[in-house]
């Protein structure tokens, strides 16, 4: 069993409220947390309007499978979220 922790930090230019932040980051948990091999949570910057941090934990039978899943998640998130990805960090356990 292989595990990766994928942490993405976002900036939300022009975001002026937590409500707008939720709308712009909208459904990240619902969209990507449906996969039984992925757990999703907002892990930082919860009180800031203009920033957000999300962590995804990915589990798979091989490191290659987990790396592939992480790459796919990164690409999908970058195209579906109304925010700029500022930093991506991967950690393998």
PDB file of N, CA and C in Angstrom:
ATOM      1  N   UNK A   1       0.853  -1.176   0.000  1.00  0.00           N
ATOM      2  CA  UNK A   1       0.000   0.000   0.000  1.00  0.00           C
ATOM      3  C   UNK A   1       0.891   1.228   0.000  1.00  0.00           C
ATOM      4  N   UNK A   2       0.552   2.194  -0.851  1.00  0.00           N
ATOM      5  CA  UNK A   2       1.302   3.448  -0.949  1.00  0.00           C
ATOM      6  C   UNK A   2       0.355   4.610  -0.700  1.00  0.00           C
ATOM      7  N   UNK A   3       0.880   5.641  -0.049  1.00  0.00           N
ATOM      8  CA  UNK A   3       0.068   6.798   0.330  1.00  0.00           C
ATOM      9  C   UNK A   3       0.806   8.064  -0.067  1.00  0.00           C
ATOM     10  N   UNK A   4       0.069   8.999  -0.657  1.00  0.00           N
ATOM     11  CA  UNK A   4       0.621  10.318  -0.977  1.00  0.00           C
ATOM     12  C   UNK A   4      -0.240  11.381  -0.322  1.00  0.00           C
ATOM     13  N   UNK A   5       0.419  12.414   0.160  1.00  0.00           N
ATOM     14  CA  UNK A   5      -0.275  13.580   0.693  1.00  0.00           C
ATOM     15  C   UNK A   5       0.006  14.723  -0.271  1.00  0.00           C
ATOM     16  N   UNK A   6      -1.044  15.225  -0.877  1.00  0.00           N
ATOM     17  CA  UNK A   6      -0.965  16.277  -1.887  1.00  0.00           C
ATOM     18  C   UNK A   6      -1.570  17.546  -1.289  1.00  0.00           C
ATOM     19  N   UNK A   7      -0.746  18.572  -1.125  1.00  0.00           N
ATOM     20  CA  UNK A   7      -1.220  19.822  -0.540  1.00  0.00           C
ATOM     21  C   UNK A   7      -1.102  20.924  -1.575  1.00  0.00           C
ATOM     22  N   UNK A   8      -2.215  21.614  -1.813  1.00  0.00           N
ATOM     23  CA  UNK A   8      -2.269  22.703  -2.800  1.00  0.00           C
ATOM     24  C   UNK A   8      -2.630  23.997  -2.094  1.00  0.00           C
ATOM     25  N   UNK A   9      -1.879  25.037  -2.400  1.00  0.00           N
ATOM     26  CA  UNK A   9      -2.146  26.356  -1.852  1.00  0.00           C
ATOM     27  C   UNK A   9      -2.636  27.246  -2.990  1.00  0.00           C
ATOM     28  N   UNK A  10      -3.727  27.949  -2.734  1.00  0.00           N
ATOM     29  CA  UNK A  10      -4.371  28.775  -3.750  1.00  0.00           C
ATOM     30  C   UNK A  10      -4.394  30.229  -3.317  1.00  0.00           C
ATOM     31  N   UNK A  11      -4.417  31.106  -4.296  1.00  0.00           N
ATOM     32  CA  UNK A  11      -4.709  32.503  -4.053  1.00  0.00           C
ATOM     33  C   UNK A  11      -5.981  32.839  -4.822  1.00  0.00           C
ATOM     34  N   UNK A  12      -6.816  33.651  -4.225  1.00  0.00           N
ATOM     35  CA  UNK A  12      -8.093  34.026  -4.828  1.00  0.00           C
ATOM     36  C   UNK A  12      -8.127  35.546  -4.998  1.00  0.00           C
ATOM     37  N   UNK A  13      -7.536  36.068  -6.066  1.00  0.00           N
ATOM     38  CA  UNK A  13      -7.483  37.512  -6.275  1.00  0.00           C
ATOM     39  C   UNK A  13      -8.885  38.122  -6.326  1.00  0.00           C
ATOM     40  N   UNK A  14      -9.044  39.221  -5.624  1.00  0.00           N
ATOM     41  CA  UNK A  14     -10.310  39.942  -5.657  1.00  0.00           C
ATOM     42  C   UNK A  14     -11.412  39.341  -4.802  1.00  0.00           C
ATOM     43  N   UNK A  15     -11.138  38.275  -4.124  1.00  0.00           N
ATOM     44  CA  UNK A  15     -12.153  37.637  -3.278  1.00  0.00           C
ATOM     45  C   UNK A  15     -12.335  38.481  -2.019  1.00  0.00           C
ATOM     46  N   UNK A  16     -13.579  38.867  -1.723  1.00  0.00           N
ATOM     47  CA  UNK A  16     -13.809  39.803  -0.624  1.00  0.00           C
ATOM     48  C   UNK A  16     -14.588  39.237   0.557  1.00  0.00           C
ATOM     49  N   UNK A  17     -15.003  37.969   0.478  1.00  0.00           N
ATOM     50  CA  UNK A  17     -15.742  37.394   1.604  1.00  0.00           C
ATOM     51  C   UNK A  17     -15.545  35.884   1.650  1.00  0.00           C
ATOM     52  N   UNK A  18     -15.826  35.324   2.818  1.00  0.00           N
ATOM     53  CA  UNK A  18     -15.721  33.868   2.956  1.00  0.00           C
ATOM     54  C   UNK A  18     -16.788  33.169   2.113  1.00  0.00           C
ATOM     55  N   UNK A  19     -17.942  33.817   1.958  1.00  0.00           N
ATOM     56  CA  UNK A  19     -18.994  33.247   1.116  1.00  0.00           C
ATOM     57  C   UNK A  19     -18.525  33.140  -0.334  1.00  0.00           C
ATOM     58  N   UNK A  20     -17.916  34.203  -0.836  1.00  0.00           N
ATOM     59  CA  UNK A  20     -17.389  34.178  -2.206  1.00  0.00           C
ATOM     60  C   UNK A  20     -16.281  33.130  -2.339  1.00  0.00           C
ATOM     61  N   UNK A  21     -15.453  33.024  -1.305  1.00  0.00           N
ATOM     62  CA  UNK A  21     -14.380  32.018  -1.322  1.00  0.00           C
ATOM     63  C   UNK A  21     -14.969  30.618  -1.450  1.00  0.00           C
ATOM     64  N   UNK A  22     -16.019  30.316  -0.682  1.00  0.00           N
ATOM     65  CA  UNK A  22     -16.655  28.995  -0.758  1.00  0.00           C
ATOM     66  C   UNK A  22     -17.232  28.738  -2.145  1.00  0.00           C
ATOM     67  N   UNK A  23     -17.806  29.767  -2.749  1.00  0.00           N
ATOM     68  CA  UNK A  23     -18.357  29.621  -4.093  1.00  0.00           C
ATOM     69  C   UNK A  23     -17.265  29.355  -5.118  1.00  0.00           C
ATOM     70  N   UNK A  24     -16.157  30.076  -5.005  1.00  0.00           N
ATOM     71  CA  UNK A  24     -15.079  29.924  -5.977  1.00  0.00           C
ATOM     72  C   UNK A  24     -14.336  28.595  -5.813  1.00  0.00           C
ATOM     73  N   UNK A  25     -14.200  28.132  -4.590  1.00  0.00           N
ATOM     74  CA  UNK A  25     -13.529  26.851  -4.345  1.00  0.00           C
ATOM     75  C   UNK A  25     -14.557  25.722  -4.426  1.00  0.00           C
ATOM     76  N   UNK A  26     -15.794  26.111  -4.605  1.00  0.00           N
ATOM     77  CA  UNK A  26     -16.977  25.287  -4.581  1.00  0.00           C
ATOM     78  C   UNK A  26     -16.866  23.833  -4.977  1.00  0.00           C
ATOM     79  N   UNK A  27     -17.256  23.022  -4.080  1.00  0.00           N
ATOM     80  CA  UNK A  27     -17.408  21.616  -4.387  1.00  0.00           C
ATOM     81  C   UNK A  27     -16.116  20.828  -4.506  1.00  0.00           C
ATOM     82  N   UNK A  28     -14.991  21.387  -4.105  1.00  0.00           N
ATOM     83  CA  UNK A  28     -13.730  20.656  -4.206  1.00  0.00           C
ATOM     84  C   UNK A  28     -13.843  19.334  -3.448  1.00  0.00           C
ATOM     85  N   UNK A  29     -14.383  19.413  -2.268  1.00  0.00           N
ATOM     86  CA  UNK A  29     -14.545  18.201  -1.454  1.00  0.00           C
ATOM     87  C   UNK A  29     -15.520  17.230  -2.111  1.00  0.00           C
ATOM     88  N   UNK A  30     -16.632  17.735  -2.569  1.00  0.00           N
ATOM     89  CA  UNK A  30     -17.652  16.873  -3.181  1.00  0.00           C
ATOM     90  C   UNK A  30     -17.165  16.239  -4.478  1.00  0.00           C
ATOM     91  N   UNK A  31     -16.476  17.017  -5.305  1.00  0.00           N
ATOM     92  CA  UNK A  31     -16.014  16.510  -6.601  1.00  0.00           C
ATOM     93  C   UNK A  31     -14.928  15.457  -6.487  1.00  0.00           C
ATOM     94  N   UNK A  32     -13.946  15.712  -5.641  1.00  0.00           N
ATOM     95  CA  UNK A  32     -12.784  14.832  -5.597  1.00  0.00           C
ATOM     96  C   UNK A  32     -12.820  13.841  -4.444  1.00  0.00           C
ATOM     97  N   UNK A  33     -13.690  14.066  -3.474  1.00  0.00           N
ATOM     98  CA  UNK A  33     -13.807  13.157  -2.339  1.00  0.00           C
ATOM     99  C   UNK A  33     -14.681  11.940  -2.611  1.00  0.00           C
ATOM    100  N   UNK A  34     -15.311  11.883  -3.770  1.00  0.00           N
ATOM    101  CA  UNK A  34     -16.161  10.731  -4.132  1.00  0.00           C
ATOM    102  C   UNK A  34     -15.339   9.481  -4.409  1.00  0.00           C
ATOM    103  N   UNK A  35     -14.121   9.678  -4.862  1.00  0.00           N
ATOM    104  CA  UNK A  35     -13.237   8.556  -5.168  1.00  0.00           C
ATOM    105  C   UNK A  35     -12.850   7.865  -3.854  1.00  0.00           C
ATOM    106  N   UNK A  36     -13.080   6.554  -3.730  1.00  0.00           N
ATOM    107  CA  UNK A  36     -12.771   5.878  -2.470  1.00  0.00           C
ATOM    108  C   UNK A  36     -11.281   5.840  -2.138  1.00  0.00           C
ATOM    109  N   UNK A  37     -10.414   6.166  -3.096  1.00  0.00           N
ATOM    110  CA  UNK A  37      -8.972   6.173  -2.851  1.00  0.00           C
ATOM    111  C   UNK A  37      -8.453   7.559  -2.494  1.00  0.00           C
ATOM    112  N   UNK A  38      -9.374   8.547  -2.358  1.00  0.00           N
ATOM    113  CA  UNK A  38      -8.968   9.932  -2.103  1.00  0.00           C
ATOM    114  C   UNK A  38      -9.764  10.506  -0.940  1.00  0.00           C
ATOM    115  N   UNK A  39      -9.055  11.155  -0.014  1.00  0.00           N
ATOM    116  CA  UNK A  39      -9.700  11.913   1.065  1.00  0.00           C
ATOM    117  C   UNK A  39      -9.320  13.372   0.880  1.00  0.00           C
ATOM    118  N   UNK A  40     -10.277  14.284   1.102  1.00  0.00           N
ATOM    119  CA  UNK A  40     -10.079  15.701   0.823  1.00  0.00           C
ATOM    120  C   UNK A  40     -10.469  16.531   2.035  1.00  0.00           C
ATOM    121  N   UNK A  41      -9.638  17.560   2.347  1.00  0.00           N
ATOM    122  CA  UNK A  41     -10.043  18.493   3.406  1.00  0.00           C
ATOM    123  C   UNK A  41      -9.403  19.856   3.180  1.00  0.00           C
ATOM    124  N   UNK A  42     -10.100  20.888   3.639  1.00  0.00           N
ATOM    125  CA  UNK A  42      -9.510  22.224   3.644  1.00  0.00           C
ATOM    126  C   UNK A  42      -8.590  22.263   4.852  1.00  0.00           C
ATOM    127  N   UNK A  43      -7.305  22.413   4.609  1.00  0.00           N
ATOM    128  CA  UNK A  43      -6.332  22.226   5.683  1.00  0.00           C
ATOM    129  C   UNK A  43      -5.688  23.510   6.188  1.00  0.00           C
ATOM    130  N   UNK A  44      -5.950  24.629   5.542  1.00  0.00           N
ATOM    131  CA  UNK A  44      -5.339  25.868   6.012  1.00  0.00           C
ATOM    132  C   UNK A  44      -5.975  27.085   5.393  1.00  0.00           C
ATOM    133  N   UNK A  45      -5.600  28.236   5.926  1.00  0.00           N
ATOM    134  CA  UNK A  45      -6.077  29.537   5.436  1.00  0.00           C
ATOM    135  C   UNK A  45      -7.603  29.629   5.467  1.00  0.00           C
ATOM    136  N   UNK A  46      -8.211  29.039   6.468  1.00  0.00           N
ATOM    137  CA  UNK A  46      -9.679  29.006   6.534  1.00  0.00           C
ATOM    138  C   UNK A  46     -10.314  30.371   6.760  1.00  0.00           C
ATOM    139  N   UNK A  47      -9.615  31.263   7.451  1.00  0.00           N
ATOM    140  CA  UNK A  47     -10.199  32.559   7.786  1.00  0.00           C
ATOM    141  C   UNK A  47      -9.825  33.672   6.813  1.00  0.00           C
ATOM    142  N   UNK A  48      -8.964  33.381   5.858  1.00  0.00           N
ATOM    143  CA  UNK A  48      -8.576  34.398   4.876  1.00  0.00           C
ATOM    144  C   UNK A  48      -9.490  34.344   3.665  1.00  0.00           C
ATOM    145  N   UNK A  49      -9.844  35.505   3.155  1.00  0.00           N
ATOM    146  CA  UNK A  49     -10.710  35.588   1.976  1.00  0.00           C
ATOM    147  C   UNK A  49      -9.935  35.299   0.700  1.00  0.00           C
ATOM    148  N   UNK A  50      -8.672  35.680   0.665  1.00  0.00           N
ATOM    149  CA  UNK A  50      -7.898  35.662  -0.575  1.00  0.00           C
ATOM    150  C   UNK A  50      -6.942  34.471  -0.711  1.00  0.00           C
ATOM    151  N   UNK A  51      -7.063  33.492   0.168  1.00  0.00           N
ATOM    152  CA  UNK A  51      -6.176  32.323   0.102  1.00  0.00           C
ATOM    153  C   UNK A  51      -6.894  31.088   0.626  1.00  0.00           C
ATOM    154  N   UNK A  52      -6.404  29.931   0.195  1.00  0.00           N
ATOM    155  CA  UNK A  52      -6.981  28.672   0.644  1.00  0.00           C
ATOM    156  C   UNK A  52      -5.929  27.581   0.507  1.00  0.00           C
ATOM    157  N   UNK A  53      -5.993  26.602   1.390  1.00  0.00           N
ATOM    158  CA  UNK A  53      -5.094  25.453   1.304  1.00  0.00           C
ATOM    159  C   UNK A  53      -5.927  24.184   1.453  1.00  0.00           C
ATOM    160  N   UNK A  54      -5.693  23.241   0.541  1.00  0.00           N
ATOM    161  CA  UNK A  54      -6.424  21.977   0.554  1.00  0.00           C
ATOM    162  C   UNK A  54      -5.436  20.826   0.538  1.00  0.00           C
ATOM    163  N   UNK A  55      -5.753  19.772   1.270  1.00  0.00           N
ATOM    164  CA  UNK A  55      -4.917  18.580   1.301  1.00  0.00           C
ATOM    165  C   UNK A  55      -5.736  17.393   0.852  1.00  0.00           C
ATOM    166  N   UNK A  56      -5.132  16.591  -0.024  1.00  0.00           N
ATOM    167  CA  UNK A  56      -5.756  15.364  -0.501  1.00  0.00           C
ATOM    168  C   UNK A  56      -4.832  14.208  -0.135  1.00  0.00           C
ATOM    169  N   UNK A  57      -5.389  13.158   0.397  1.00  0.00           N
ATOM    170  CA  UNK A  57      -4.630  11.954   0.705  1.00  0.00           C
ATOM    171  C   UNK A  57      -5.050  10.904  -0.315  1.00  0.00           C
ATOM    172  N   UNK A  58      -4.076  10.359  -1.011  1.00  0.00           N
ATOM    173  CA  UNK A  58      -4.324   9.404  -2.085  1.00  0.00           C
ATOM    174  C   UNK A  58      -3.710   8.064  -1.707  1.00  0.00           C
ATOM    175  N   UNK A  59      -4.486   6.993  -1.845  1.00  0.00           N
ATOM    176  CA  UNK A  59      -4.039   5.649  -1.491  1.00  0.00           C
ATOM    177  C   UNK A  59      -4.106   4.758  -2.725  1.00  0.00           C
ATOM    178  N   UNK A  60      -3.092   3.913  -2.904  1.00  0.00           N
ATOM    179  CA  UNK A  60      -3.080   2.991  -4.031  1.00  0.00           C
ATOM    180  C   UNK A  60      -2.178   1.803  -3.768  1.00  0.00           C
ATOM    181  N   UNK A  61      -2.274   0.815  -4.631  1.00  0.00           N
ATOM    182  CA  UNK A  61      -1.491  -0.404  -4.460  1.00  0.00           C
ATOM    183  C   UNK A  61      -0.044  -0.248  -4.904  1.00  0.00           C
ATOM    184  N   UNK A  62       0.226   0.705  -5.816  1.00  0.00           N
ATOM    185  CA  UNK A  62       1.600   0.911  -6.271  1.00  0.00           C
ATOM    186  C   UNK A  62       1.918   2.402  -6.240  1.00  0.00           C
ATOM    187  N   UNK A  63       3.198   2.705  -6.121  1.00  0.00           N
ATOM    188  CA  UNK A  63       3.613   4.108  -6.114  1.00  0.00           C
ATOM    189  C   UNK A  63       3.283   4.760  -7.447  1.00  0.00           C
ATOM    190  N   UNK A  64       3.441   4.019  -8.517  1.00  0.00           N
ATOM    191  CA  UNK A  64       3.137   4.546  -9.846  1.00  0.00           C
ATOM    192  C   UNK A  64       1.657   4.939  -9.949  1.00  0.00           C
ATOM    193  N   UNK A  65       0.784   4.098  -9.434  1.00  0.00           N
ATOM    194  CA  UNK A  65      -0.657   4.381  -9.441  1.00  0.00           C
ATOM    195  C   UNK A  65      -0.957   5.651  -8.654  1.00  0.00           C
ATOM    196  N   UNK A  66      -0.340   5.783  -7.488  1.00  0.00           N
ATOM    197  CA  UNK A  66      -0.568   6.950  -6.639  1.00  0.00           C
ATOM    198  C   UNK A  66      -0.030   8.219  -7.307  1.00  0.00           C
ATOM    199  N   UNK A  67       1.156   8.154  -7.895  1.00  0.00           N
ATOM    200  CA  UNK A  67       1.722   9.306  -8.601  1.00  0.00           C
ATOM    201  C   UNK A  67       0.824   9.741  -9.771  1.00  0.00           C
ATOM    202  N   UNK A  68       0.323   8.770 -10.513  1.00  0.00           N
ATOM    203  CA  UNK A  68      -0.558   9.054 -11.635  1.00  0.00           C
ATOM    204  C   UNK A  68      -1.844   9.731 -11.148  1.00  0.00           C
ATOM    205  N   UNK A  69      -2.396   9.211 -10.080  1.00  0.00           N
ATOM    206  CA  UNK A  69      -3.631   9.774  -9.517  1.00  0.00           C
ATOM    207  C   UNK A  69      -3.391  11.213  -9.054  1.00  0.00           C
ATOM    208  N   UNK A  70      -2.246  11.468  -8.418  1.00  0.00           N
ATOM    209  CA  UNK A  70      -1.910  12.826  -7.966  1.00  0.00           C
ATOM    210  C   UNK A  70      -1.813  13.785  -9.150  1.00  0.00           C
ATOM    211  N   UNK A  71      -1.162  13.362 -10.206  1.00  0.00           N
ATOM    212  CA  UNK A  71      -1.021  14.206 -11.404  1.00  0.00           C
ATOM    213  C   UNK A  71      -2.380  14.519 -12.012  1.00  0.00           C
ATOM    214  N   UNK A  72      -3.245  13.513 -12.080  1.00  0.00           N
ATOM    215  CA  UNK A  72      -4.591  13.723 -12.629  1.00  0.00           C
ATOM    216  C   UNK A  72      -5.384  14.684 -11.747  1.00  0.00           C
ATOM    217  N   UNK A  73      -5.286  14.523 -10.438  1.00  0.00           N
ATOM    218  CA  UNK A  73      -5.999  15.411  -9.520  1.00  0.00           C
ATOM    219  C   UNK A  73      -5.518  16.847  -9.667  1.00  0.00           C
ATOM    220  N   UNK A  74      -4.199  17.044  -9.707  1.00  0.00           N
ATOM    221  CA  UNK A  74      -3.651  18.390  -9.881  1.00  0.00           C
ATOM    222  C   UNK A  74      -4.202  19.050 -11.136  1.00  0.00           C
ATOM    223  N   UNK A  75      -4.154  18.327 -12.243  1.00  0.00           N
ATOM    224  CA  UNK A  75      -4.620  18.882 -13.522  1.00  0.00           C
ATOM    225  C   UNK A  75      -6.103  19.238 -13.464  1.00  0.00           C
ATOM    226  N   UNK A  76      -6.918  18.352 -12.924  1.00  0.00           N
ATOM    227  CA  UNK A  76      -8.359  18.613 -12.839  1.00  0.00           C
ATOM    228  C   UNK A  76      -8.653  19.801 -11.938  1.00  0.00           C
ATOM    229  N   UNK A  77      -7.964  19.873 -10.812  1.00  0.00           N
ATOM    230  CA  UNK A  77      -8.199  20.974  -9.875  1.00  0.00           C
ATOM    231  C   UNK A  77      -7.813  22.305 -10.503  1.00  0.00           C
ATOM    232  N   UNK A  78      -6.683  22.355 -11.179  1.00  0.00           N
ATOM    233  CA  UNK A  78      -6.240  23.602 -11.811  1.00  0.00           C
ATOM    234  C   UNK A  78      -7.243  24.098 -12.840  1.00  0.00           C
ATOM    235  N   UNK A  79      -7.984  23.184 -13.475  1.00  0.00           N
ATOM    236  CA  UNK A  79      -8.941  23.578 -14.513  1.00  0.00           C
ATOM    237  C   UNK A  79     -10.357  23.808 -13.990  1.00  0.00           C
ATOM    238  N   UNK A  80     -10.664  23.365 -12.781  1.00  0.00           N
ATOM    239  CA  UNK A  80     -12.032  23.479 -12.295  1.00  0.00           C
ATOM    240  C   UNK A  80     -12.230  24.520 -11.195  1.00  0.00           C
ATOM    241  N   UNK A  81     -11.170  24.930 -10.529  1.00  0.00           N
ATOM    242  CA  UNK A  81     -11.295  25.863  -9.419  1.00  0.00           C
ATOM    243  C   UNK A  81     -11.007  27.280  -9.898  1.00  0.00           C
ATOM    244  N   UNK A  82     -11.805  28.229  -9.443  1.00  0.00           N
ATOM    245  CA  UNK A  82     -11.627  29.630  -9.815  1.00  0.00           C
ATOM    246  C   UNK A  82     -10.616  30.299  -8.883  1.00  0.00           C
ATOM    247  N   UNK A  83      -9.388  29.793  -8.926  1.00  0.00           N
ATOM    248  CA  UNK A  83      -8.307  30.327  -8.106  1.00  0.00           C
ATOM    249  C   UNK A  83      -6.986  29.969  -8.768  1.00  0.00           C
ATOM    250  N   UNK A  84      -5.931  30.647  -8.368  1.00  0.00           N
ATOM    251  CA  UNK A  84      -4.596  30.348  -8.889  1.00  0.00           C
ATOM    252  C   UNK A  84      -3.885  29.398  -7.937  1.00  0.00           C
ATOM    253  N   UNK A  85      -3.311  28.352  -8.486  1.00  0.00           N
ATOM    254  CA  UNK A  85      -2.519  27.429  -7.676  1.00  0.00           C
ATOM    255  C   UNK A  85      -1.154  28.077  -7.465  1.00  0.00           C
ATOM    256  N   UNK A  86      -0.808  28.317  -6.213  1.00  0.00           N
ATOM    257  CA  UNK A  86       0.462  28.977  -5.898  1.00  0.00           C
ATOM    258  C   UNK A  86       1.552  27.971  -5.540  1.00  0.00           C
ATOM    259  N   UNK A  87       1.155  26.854  -4.954  1.00  0.00           N
ATOM    260  CA  UNK A  87       2.141  25.875  -4.518  1.00  0.00           C
ATOM    261  C   UNK A  87       1.500  24.492  -4.475  1.00  0.00           C
ATOM    262  N   UNK A  88       2.279  23.502  -4.895  1.00  0.00           N
ATOM    263  CA  UNK A  88       1.844  22.108  -4.805  1.00  0.00           C
ATOM    264  C   UNK A  88       2.951  21.341  -4.114  1.00  0.00           C
ATOM    265  N   UNK A  89       2.576  20.594  -3.092  1.00  0.00           N
ATOM    266  CA  UNK A  89       3.560  19.803  -2.364  1.00  0.00           C
ATOM    267  C   UNK A  89       3.070  18.353  -2.306  1.00  0.00           C
ATOM    268  N   UNK A  90       3.941  17.437  -2.678  1.00  0.00           N
ATOM    269  CA  UNK A  90       3.631  15.999  -2.596  1.00  0.00           C
ATOM    270  C   UNK A  90       4.551  15.349  -1.586  1.00  0.00           C
ATOM    271  N   UNK A  91       3.960  14.516  -0.759  1.00  0.00           N
ATOM    272  CA  UNK A  91       4.740  13.762   0.233  1.00  0.00           C
ATOM    273  C   UNK A  91       4.283  12.312   0.150  1.00  0.00           C
ATOM    274  N   UNK A  92       5.228  11.399   0.028  1.00  0.00           N
ATOM    275  CA  UNK A  92       4.899   9.973  -0.049  1.00  0.00           C
ATOM    276  C   UNK A  92       5.245   9.291   1.257  1.00  0.00           C
ATOM    277  N   UNK A  93       4.327   8.457   1.709  1.00  0.00           N
ATOM    278  CA  UNK A  93       4.519   7.728   2.962  1.00  0.00           C
ATOM    279  C   UNK A  93       4.689   6.247   2.636  1.00  0.00           C
TER     280      UNK A  93
END
